[in-house]
Amino acid sequence: MSIDLTFIGQIIVFLALVYLMKKHLFGPMSELMEARSKKIAEGLAAADAGLDAKARAEAEIAEQLKDARSKAAEIVASAERRAAEIGEEAVNRSRTEAEGIVDAAREEVHAELGRARQALRNEVADIALIAAERVIESELDAKRHAALIDGIVSSGFGHA
């Protein structure tokens, strides 16, 4: 086997081709592939960070929801207590007003009763005066006295 000039030329062309391919093709290609793999790794890391952030946000939202529900329950309980207080105040105010109305009615009844008693006293006094006048005007025996009283009573305590 002899090495001739064509074979040496092919080796030189092959080596030159390998050098040029390494310099202009494989170098930039491997840099592009490294950059791409770095981008993919960063994207995966960002996705993991996003999932962690999402989990934290969901936990925070759940906590805020829990707080909001408890505050809503407190507000509802407070409103129910206030409604009960207002109802109780209204009942007490109504009782007080009713007692005032009853007391005023009692006072009016007592006043009316006093006026009726006074009117009755005045009428009895008038009847007594009428009866005394008639007794004085005539001398009475027992029969006339009873007839006179019956006449006065039957005439509706009539006036002289």
N, C-alpha and C. Protein backbone atom coordinates (compact mmCIF):
# COMPACT_ATOMS: atom_id res chain seq x y z
N MET A 1 0.82 -1.13 0.00
CA MET A 1 0.00 0.00 0.00
C MET A 1 0.91 1.24 0.00
N SER A 2 0.65 1.98 -0.87
CA SER A 2 1.52 3.14 -0.96
C SER A 2 0.65 4.38 -0.80
N ILE A 3 1.23 5.30 -0.19
CA ILE A 3 0.50 6.54 0.06
C ILE A 3 0.87 7.46 -1.11
N ASP A 4 -0.04 7.76 -1.79
CA ASP A 4 0.28 8.64 -2.90
C ASP A 4 -0.29 10.03 -2.65
N LEU A 5 -0.09 10.86 -3.60
CA LEU A 5 -0.40 12.26 -3.43
C LEU A 5 -1.92 12.50 -3.36
N THR A 6 -2.73 11.79 -4.00
CA THR A 6 -4.18 11.95 -3.98
C THR A 6 -4.70 11.64 -2.58
N PHE A 7 -4.13 10.60 -2.00
CA PHE A 7 -4.60 10.22 -0.67
C PHE A 7 -4.24 11.33 0.32
N ILE A 8 -3.06 11.90 0.22
CA ILE A 8 -2.63 12.96 1.13
C ILE A 8 -3.52 14.18 0.87
N GLY A 9 -3.86 14.46 -0.34
CA GLY A 9 -4.75 15.58 -0.66
C GLY A 9 -6.12 15.37 -0.05
N GLN A 10 -6.61 14.15 -0.10
CA GLN A 10 -7.93 13.86 0.48
C GLN A 10 -7.87 14.03 2.00
N ILE A 11 -6.75 13.64 2.61
CA ILE A 11 -6.63 13.79 4.07
C ILE A 11 -6.61 15.27 4.41
N ILE A 12 -5.88 16.07 3.63
CA ILE A 12 -5.80 17.51 3.91
C ILE A 12 -7.19 18.13 3.72
N VAL A 13 -7.90 17.78 2.66
CA VAL A 13 -9.25 18.32 2.42
C VAL A 13 -10.17 17.87 3.55
N PHE A 14 -10.07 16.62 3.95
CA PHE A 14 -10.92 16.11 5.04
C PHE A 14 -10.65 16.88 6.32
N LEU A 15 -9.37 17.09 6.68
CA LEU A 15 -9.03 17.81 7.91
C LEU A 15 -9.50 19.27 7.81
N ALA A 16 -9.34 19.86 6.63
CA ALA A 16 -9.78 21.24 6.46
C ALA A 16 -11.30 21.31 6.62
N LEU A 17 -11.96 20.32 6.05
CA LEU A 17 -13.41 20.28 6.14
C LEU A 17 -13.84 20.09 7.60
N VAL A 18 -13.17 19.23 8.34
CA VAL A 18 -13.50 19.02 9.76
C VAL A 18 -13.28 20.31 10.53
N TYR A 19 -12.17 21.00 10.25
CA TYR A 19 -11.86 22.25 10.95
C TYR A 19 -12.93 23.28 10.63
N LEU A 20 -13.29 23.45 9.39
CA LEU A 20 -14.29 24.44 9.01
C LEU A 20 -15.67 24.08 9.57
N MET A 21 -16.00 22.81 9.55
CA MET A 21 -17.29 22.38 10.11
C MET A 21 -17.33 22.64 11.62
N LYS A 22 -16.20 22.36 12.29
CA LYS A 22 -16.16 22.58 13.73
C LYS A 22 -16.27 24.06 14.03
N LYS A 23 -15.55 24.89 13.26
CA LYS A 23 -15.52 26.31 13.52
C LYS A 23 -16.84 26.97 13.14
N HIS A 24 -17.40 26.66 11.99
CA HIS A 24 -18.57 27.39 11.51
C HIS A 24 -19.89 26.64 11.69
N LEU A 25 -19.90 25.36 11.91
CA LEU A 25 -21.15 24.62 12.01
C LEU A 25 -21.35 24.05 13.40
N PHE A 26 -20.42 23.24 13.87
CA PHE A 26 -20.63 22.59 15.17
C PHE A 26 -20.52 23.58 16.32
N GLY A 27 -19.63 24.54 16.24
CA GLY A 27 -19.48 25.54 17.31
C GLY A 27 -20.75 26.33 17.54
N PRO A 28 -21.22 27.03 16.46
CA PRO A 28 -22.44 27.79 16.65
C PRO A 28 -23.65 26.90 16.98
N MET A 29 -23.68 25.70 16.38
CA MET A 29 -24.78 24.79 16.64
C MET A 29 -24.79 24.36 18.10
N SER A 30 -23.62 24.04 18.64
CA SER A 30 -23.58 23.63 20.05
C SER A 30 -23.91 24.80 20.97
N GLU A 31 -23.51 26.04 20.58
CA GLU A 31 -23.87 27.22 21.39
C GLU A 31 -25.38 27.43 21.36
N LEU A 32 -25.98 27.28 20.18
CA LEU A 32 -27.43 27.41 20.07
C LEU A 32 -28.14 26.35 20.90
N MET A 33 -27.62 25.13 20.86
CA MET A 33 -28.24 24.05 21.63
C MET A 33 -28.08 24.29 23.14
N GLU A 34 -26.94 24.80 23.56
CA GLU A 34 -26.74 25.12 24.98
C GLU A 34 -27.67 26.25 25.40
N ALA A 35 -27.77 27.28 24.55
CA ALA A 35 -28.67 28.39 24.86
C ALA A 35 -30.11 27.91 24.95
N ARG A 36 -30.47 27.04 24.00
CA ARG A 36 -31.83 26.50 24.01
C ARG A 36 -32.08 25.65 25.25
N SER A 37 -31.15 24.81 25.61
CA SER A 37 -31.32 23.99 26.81
C SER A 37 -31.34 24.85 28.06
N LYS A 38 -30.57 25.95 28.05
CA LYS A 38 -30.58 26.88 29.19
C LYS A 38 -31.95 27.55 29.29
N LYS A 39 -32.51 27.96 28.13
CA LYS A 39 -33.84 28.58 28.11
C LYS A 39 -34.89 27.61 28.61
N ILE A 40 -34.79 26.38 28.17
CA ILE A 40 -35.76 25.36 28.61
C ILE A 40 -35.65 25.15 30.11
N ALA A 41 -34.42 25.08 30.62
CA ALA A 41 -34.22 24.91 32.07
C ALA A 41 -34.79 26.10 32.83
N GLU A 42 -34.55 27.33 32.32
CA GLU A 42 -35.10 28.52 32.97
C GLU A 42 -36.63 28.50 32.93
N GLY A 43 -37.19 28.08 31.79
CA GLY A 43 -38.65 27.98 31.67
C GLY A 43 -39.23 26.98 32.65
N LEU A 44 -38.55 25.84 32.80
CA LEU A 44 -39.02 24.84 33.77
C LEU A 44 -38.93 25.37 35.19
N ALA A 45 -37.82 26.09 35.49
CA ALA A 45 -37.67 26.67 36.82
C ALA A 45 -38.75 27.72 37.07
N ALA A 46 -39.02 28.53 36.03
CA ALA A 46 -40.08 29.54 36.17
C ALA A 46 -41.43 28.87 36.35
N ALA A 47 -41.69 27.78 35.65
CA ALA A 47 -42.95 27.06 35.81
C ALA A 47 -43.07 26.50 37.23
N ASP A 48 -41.97 25.94 37.75
CA ASP A 48 -41.99 25.45 39.13
C ASP A 48 -42.24 26.59 40.10
N ALA A 49 -41.56 27.73 39.87
CA ALA A 49 -41.78 28.89 40.74
C ALA A 49 -43.23 29.37 40.62
N GLY A 50 -43.78 29.33 39.40
CA GLY A 50 -45.17 29.72 39.20
C GLY A 50 -46.13 28.80 39.94
N LEU A 51 -45.84 27.50 39.89
CA LEU A 51 -46.69 26.55 40.63
C LEU A 51 -46.61 26.80 42.12
N ASP A 52 -45.40 27.10 42.62
CA ASP A 52 -45.25 27.41 44.05
C ASP A 52 -46.01 28.69 44.40
N ALA A 53 -45.87 29.70 43.53
CA ALA A 53 -46.58 30.96 43.77
C ALA A 53 -48.09 30.74 43.73
N LYS A 54 -48.53 29.90 42.80
CA LYS A 54 -49.96 29.59 42.70
C LYS A 54 -50.45 28.90 43.97
N ALA A 55 -49.66 27.96 44.47
CA ALA A 55 -50.03 27.25 45.70
C ALA A 55 -50.09 28.22 46.88
N ARG A 56 -49.10 29.13 46.95
CA ARG A 56 -49.12 30.12 48.03
C ARG A 56 -50.32 31.06 47.91
N ALA A 57 -50.61 31.47 46.66
CA ALA A 57 -51.75 32.36 46.43
C ALA A 57 -53.06 31.67 46.80
N GLU A 58 -53.19 30.39 46.43
CA GLU A 58 -54.41 29.66 46.77
C GLU A 58 -54.55 29.52 48.28
N ALA A 59 -53.42 29.27 48.97
CA ALA A 59 -53.47 29.18 50.43
C ALA A 59 -53.86 30.53 51.03
N GLU A 60 -53.30 31.60 50.48
CA GLU A 60 -53.63 32.93 50.98
C GLU A 60 -55.10 33.26 50.71
N ILE A 61 -55.58 32.90 49.53
CA ILE A 61 -56.98 33.14 49.19
C ILE A 61 -57.89 32.34 50.13
N ALA A 62 -57.50 31.11 50.40
CA ALA A 62 -58.30 30.28 51.32
C ALA A 62 -58.33 30.92 52.71
N GLU A 63 -57.19 31.45 53.15
CA GLU A 63 -57.13 32.10 54.47
C GLU A 63 -57.99 33.36 54.47
N GLN A 64 -57.89 34.15 53.40
CA GLN A 64 -58.70 35.36 53.31
C GLN A 64 -60.19 35.03 53.25
N LEU A 65 -60.53 33.97 52.54
CA LEU A 65 -61.93 33.54 52.48
C LEU A 65 -62.42 33.13 53.87
N LYS A 66 -61.56 32.41 54.59
CA LYS A 66 -61.91 31.97 55.94
C LYS A 66 -62.12 33.18 56.83
N ASP A 67 -61.20 34.16 56.73
CA ASP A 67 -61.35 35.38 57.53
C ASP A 67 -62.62 36.13 57.15
N ALA A 68 -62.88 36.22 55.84
CA ALA A 68 -64.08 36.93 55.39
C ALA A 68 -65.35 36.24 55.88
N ARG A 69 -65.35 34.91 55.83
CA ARG A 69 -66.53 34.19 56.33
C ARG A 69 -66.72 34.40 57.82
N SER A 70 -65.62 34.38 58.58
CA SER A 70 -65.75 34.58 60.03
C SER A 70 -66.21 36.00 60.32
N LYS A 71 -65.68 36.98 59.56
CA LYS A 71 -66.13 38.36 59.76
C LYS A 71 -67.60 38.50 59.39
N ALA A 72 -68.01 37.85 58.30
CA ALA A 72 -69.42 37.89 57.90
C ALA A 72 -70.30 37.27 58.98
N ALA A 73 -69.83 36.17 59.55
CA ALA A 73 -70.61 35.52 60.62
C ALA A 73 -70.70 36.45 61.83
N GLU A 74 -69.60 37.14 62.15
CA GLU A 74 -69.63 38.09 63.27
C GLU A 74 -70.60 39.23 62.98
N ILE A 75 -70.57 39.73 61.74
CA ILE A 75 -71.47 40.83 61.39
C ILE A 75 -72.92 40.38 61.48
N VAL A 76 -73.21 39.18 60.99
CA VAL A 76 -74.57 38.66 61.06
C VAL A 76 -75.00 38.48 62.52
N ALA A 77 -74.10 37.93 63.34
CA ALA A 77 -74.43 37.74 64.76
C ALA A 77 -74.66 39.09 65.43
N SER A 78 -73.81 40.07 65.11
CA SER A 78 -73.98 41.40 65.68
C SER A 78 -75.30 42.01 65.24
N ALA A 79 -75.64 41.84 63.97
CA ALA A 79 -76.91 42.37 63.47
C ALA A 79 -78.09 41.69 64.15
N GLU A 80 -77.99 40.39 64.36
CA GLU A 80 -79.07 39.67 65.05
C GLU A 80 -79.21 40.15 66.49
N ARG A 81 -78.04 40.37 67.16
CA ARG A 81 -78.10 40.88 68.54
C ARG A 81 -78.73 42.26 68.57
N ARG A 82 -78.35 43.12 67.62
CA ARG A 82 -78.88 44.47 67.57
C ARG A 82 -80.37 44.44 67.27
N ALA A 83 -80.78 43.55 66.38
CA ALA A 83 -82.21 43.43 66.08
C ALA A 83 -82.99 43.00 67.32
N ALA A 84 -82.41 42.06 68.08
CA ALA A 84 -83.07 41.62 69.31
C ALA A 84 -83.15 42.77 70.31
N GLU A 85 -82.06 43.56 70.39
CA GLU A 85 -82.07 44.70 71.31
C GLU A 85 -83.11 45.72 70.89
N ILE A 86 -83.18 45.99 69.59
CA ILE A 86 -84.17 46.97 69.10
C ILE A 86 -85.59 46.46 69.37
N GLY A 87 -85.80 45.15 69.15
CA GLY A 87 -87.11 44.57 69.43
C GLY A 87 -87.47 44.69 70.91
N GLU A 88 -86.48 44.40 71.75
CA GLU A 88 -86.71 44.50 73.19
C GLU A 88 -86.97 45.94 73.60
N GLU A 89 -86.21 46.88 73.01
CA GLU A 89 -86.45 48.29 73.31
C GLU A 89 -87.85 48.71 72.88
N ALA A 90 -88.27 48.23 71.70
CA ALA A 90 -89.61 48.58 71.22
C ALA A 90 -90.68 48.01 72.13
N VAL A 91 -90.48 46.77 72.59
CA VAL A 91 -91.44 46.15 73.51
C VAL A 91 -91.50 46.95 74.82
N ASN A 92 -90.32 47.30 75.36
CA ASN A 92 -90.29 48.06 76.61
C ASN A 92 -90.94 49.42 76.42
N ARG A 93 -90.63 50.08 75.29
CA ARG A 93 -91.23 51.39 75.03
C ARG A 93 -92.74 51.25 74.90
N SER A 94 -93.20 50.19 74.23
CA SER A 94 -94.65 49.97 74.08
C SER A 94 -95.30 49.71 75.42
N ARG A 95 -94.63 48.92 76.26
CA ARG A 95 -95.18 48.65 77.60
C ARG A 95 -95.29 49.95 78.39
N THR A 96 -94.23 50.76 78.32
CA THR A 96 -94.24 52.02 79.05
C THR A 96 -95.37 52.91 78.56
N GLU A 97 -95.52 53.00 77.23
CA GLU A 97 -96.61 53.82 76.68
C GLU A 97 -97.97 53.26 77.07
N ALA A 98 -98.09 51.93 77.04
CA ALA A 98 -99.37 51.32 77.42
C ALA A 98 -99.68 51.59 78.88
N GLU A 99 -98.65 51.48 79.73
CA GLU A 99 -98.86 51.77 81.15
C GLU A 99 -99.26 53.23 81.34
N GLY A 100 -98.64 54.13 80.56
CA GLY A 100 -99.00 55.54 80.64
C GLY A 100 -100.44 55.77 80.22
N ILE A 101 -100.85 55.08 79.15
CA ILE A 101 -102.23 55.23 78.67
C ILE A 101 -103.21 54.67 79.71
N VAL A 102 -102.87 53.52 80.29
CA VAL A 102 -103.74 52.92 81.32
C VAL A 102 -103.82 53.84 82.53
N ASP A 103 -102.65 54.38 82.94
CA ASP A 103 -102.66 55.29 84.10
C ASP A 103 -103.50 56.53 83.81
N ALA A 104 -103.38 57.07 82.58
CA ALA A 104 -104.18 58.25 82.22
C ALA A 104 -105.66 57.90 82.22
N ALA A 105 -105.98 56.70 81.72
CA ALA A 105 -107.39 56.28 81.71
C ALA A 105 -107.91 56.10 83.13
N ARG A 106 -107.06 55.53 83.99
CA ARG A 106 -107.48 55.38 85.40
C ARG A 106 -107.73 56.74 86.05
N GLU A 107 -106.80 57.67 85.78
CA GLU A 107 -106.98 59.01 86.35
C GLU A 107 -108.26 59.65 85.83
N GLU A 108 -108.53 59.45 84.53
CA GLU A 108 -109.74 60.01 83.96
C GLU A 108 -110.98 59.36 84.57
N VAL A 109 -110.92 58.03 84.78
CA VAL A 109 -112.04 57.33 85.40
C VAL A 109 -112.24 57.83 86.83
N HIS A 110 -111.13 57.98 87.56
CA HIS A 110 -111.24 58.49 88.94
C HIS A 110 -111.81 59.91 88.96
N ALA A 111 -111.36 60.73 88.00
CA ALA A 111 -111.88 62.09 87.94
C ALA A 111 -113.37 62.07 87.61
N GLU A 112 -113.73 61.24 86.64
CA GLU A 112 -115.15 61.13 86.25
C GLU A 112 -115.98 60.60 87.42
N LEU A 113 -115.41 59.60 88.14
CA LEU A 113 -116.10 59.07 89.31
C LEU A 113 -116.28 60.16 90.37
N GLY A 114 -115.23 60.96 90.55
CA GLY A 114 -115.34 62.06 91.52
C GLY A 114 -116.41 63.06 91.10
N ARG A 115 -116.43 63.37 89.79
CA ARG A 115 -117.46 64.30 89.29
C ARG A 115 -118.86 63.69 89.46
N ALA A 116 -118.98 62.38 89.17
CA ALA A 116 -120.29 61.72 89.32
C ALA A 116 -120.72 61.73 90.79
N ARG A 117 -119.75 61.46 91.68
CA ARG A 117 -120.09 61.48 93.12
C ARG A 117 -120.52 62.88 93.55
N GLN A 118 -119.79 63.89 93.06
CA GLN A 118 -120.14 65.26 93.42
C GLN A 118 -121.53 65.61 92.89
N ALA A 119 -121.79 65.17 91.64
CA ALA A 119 -123.12 65.44 91.07
C ALA A 119 -124.19 64.71 91.88
N LEU A 120 -123.89 63.46 92.28
CA LEU A 120 -124.84 62.71 93.09
C LEU A 120 -125.06 63.39 94.44
N ARG A 121 -123.98 63.86 95.05
CA ARG A 121 -124.12 64.58 96.33
C ARG A 121 -124.99 65.82 96.17
N ASN A 122 -124.70 66.56 95.06
CA ASN A 122 -125.50 67.77 94.81
C ASN A 122 -126.97 67.41 94.61
N GLU A 123 -127.24 66.33 93.87
CA GLU A 123 -128.61 65.93 93.63
C GLU A 123 -129.28 65.45 94.93
N VAL A 124 -128.50 64.68 95.72
CA VAL A 124 -129.06 64.23 97.00
C VAL A 124 -129.36 65.43 97.89
N ALA A 125 -128.43 66.39 97.85
CA ALA A 125 -128.67 67.59 98.66
C ALA A 125 -129.91 68.33 98.17
N ASP A 126 -130.05 68.41 96.83
CA ASP A 126 -131.25 69.06 96.28
C ASP A 126 -132.52 68.33 96.71
N ILE A 127 -132.45 66.98 96.63
CA ILE A 127 -133.61 66.17 97.02
C ILE A 127 -133.93 66.39 98.50
N ALA A 128 -132.87 66.44 99.31
CA ALA A 128 -133.09 66.65 100.74
C ALA A 128 -133.70 68.01 101.00
N LEU A 129 -133.23 69.02 100.25
CA LEU A 129 -133.79 70.36 100.42
C LEU A 129 -135.26 70.39 100.00
N ILE A 130 -135.53 69.74 98.84
CA ILE A 130 -136.91 69.70 98.35
C ILE A 130 -137.80 68.98 99.37
N ALA A 131 -137.28 67.84 99.86
CA ALA A 131 -138.07 67.09 100.83
C ALA A 131 -138.25 67.91 102.11
N ALA A 132 -137.20 68.62 102.52
CA ALA A 132 -137.32 69.43 103.76
C ALA A 132 -138.29 70.57 103.56
N GLU A 133 -138.28 71.20 102.37
CA GLU A 133 -139.22 72.29 102.10
C GLU A 133 -140.65 71.79 102.17
N ARG A 134 -140.87 70.64 101.55
CA ARG A 134 -142.23 70.12 101.55
C ARG A 134 -142.68 69.68 102.94
N VAL A 135 -141.73 69.15 103.69
CA VAL A 135 -142.07 68.73 105.05
C VAL A 135 -142.40 69.95 105.89
N ILE A 136 -141.62 70.98 105.69
CA ILE A 136 -141.85 72.18 106.49
C ILE A 136 -143.16 72.84 106.10
N GLU A 137 -143.49 72.84 104.82
CA GLU A 137 -144.69 73.49 104.35
C GLU A 137 -145.96 72.82 104.90
N SER A 138 -145.89 71.57 105.08
CA SER A 138 -147.10 70.93 105.59
C SER A 138 -146.73 70.01 106.73
N GLU A 139 -147.66 69.90 107.58
CA GLU A 139 -147.46 69.00 108.69
C GLU A 139 -147.82 67.62 108.21
N LEU A 140 -146.98 66.70 108.51
CA LEU A 140 -147.17 65.39 107.93
C LEU A 140 -147.50 64.37 109.00
N ASP A 141 -148.32 63.44 108.60
CA ASP A 141 -148.46 62.25 109.42
C ASP A 141 -147.71 61.14 108.69
N ALA A 142 -147.73 59.94 109.17
CA ALA A 142 -146.93 58.85 108.61
C ALA A 142 -147.37 58.52 107.20
N LYS A 143 -148.69 58.55 106.93
CA LYS A 143 -149.17 58.21 105.61
C LYS A 143 -148.78 59.28 104.59
N ARG A 144 -148.96 60.48 104.94
CA ARG A 144 -148.59 61.57 104.03
C ARG A 144 -147.10 61.61 103.81
N HIS A 145 -146.35 61.31 104.86
CA HIS A 145 -144.88 61.33 104.74
C HIS A 145 -144.44 60.26 103.73
N ALA A 146 -144.96 59.03 103.80
CA ALA A 146 -144.60 57.96 102.88
C ALA A 146 -145.05 58.31 101.47
N ALA A 147 -146.27 58.89 101.32
CA ALA A 147 -146.76 59.27 100.01
C ALA A 147 -145.89 60.37 99.41
N LEU A 148 -145.46 61.29 100.21
CA LEU A 148 -144.59 62.37 99.75
C LEU A 148 -143.25 61.83 99.25
N ILE A 149 -142.65 60.93 99.99
CA ILE A 149 -141.35 60.35 99.58
C ILE A 149 -141.53 59.51 98.32
N ASP A 150 -142.60 58.73 98.26
CA ASP A 150 -142.85 57.94 97.04
C ASP A 150 -143.05 58.85 95.84
N GLY A 151 -143.71 59.95 96.02
CA GLY A 151 -143.94 60.90 94.93
C GLY A 151 -142.64 61.53 94.45
N ILE A 152 -141.80 61.85 95.38
CA ILE A 152 -140.51 62.45 95.00
C ILE A 152 -139.66 61.44 94.26
N VAL A 153 -139.63 60.19 94.79
CA VAL A 153 -138.80 59.16 94.15
C VAL A 153 -139.37 58.80 92.79
N SER A 154 -140.67 58.66 92.64
CA SER A 154 -141.27 58.26 91.36
C SER A 154 -141.18 59.36 90.33
N SER A 155 -141.08 60.61 90.74
CA SER A 155 -140.98 61.70 89.76
C SER A 155 -139.54 61.87 89.30
N GLY A 156 -138.65 60.96 89.71
CA GLY A 156 -137.25 61.01 89.26
C GLY A 156 -136.50 62.11 89.97
N PHE A 157 -136.73 62.16 91.23
CA PHE A 157 -136.08 63.17 92.05
C PHE A 157 -136.38 64.53 91.51
N GLY A 158 -137.63 64.68 91.12
CA GLY A 158 -138.08 65.91 90.50
C GLY A 158 -137.76 67.14 91.31
N HIS A 159 -137.77 68.25 90.67
CA HIS A 159 -137.45 69.51 91.33
C HIS A 159 -138.75 70.25 91.59
N ALA A 160 -138.78 71.03 92.63
CA ALA A 160 -139.99 71.70 93.08
C ALA A 160 -140.53 72.71 92.12
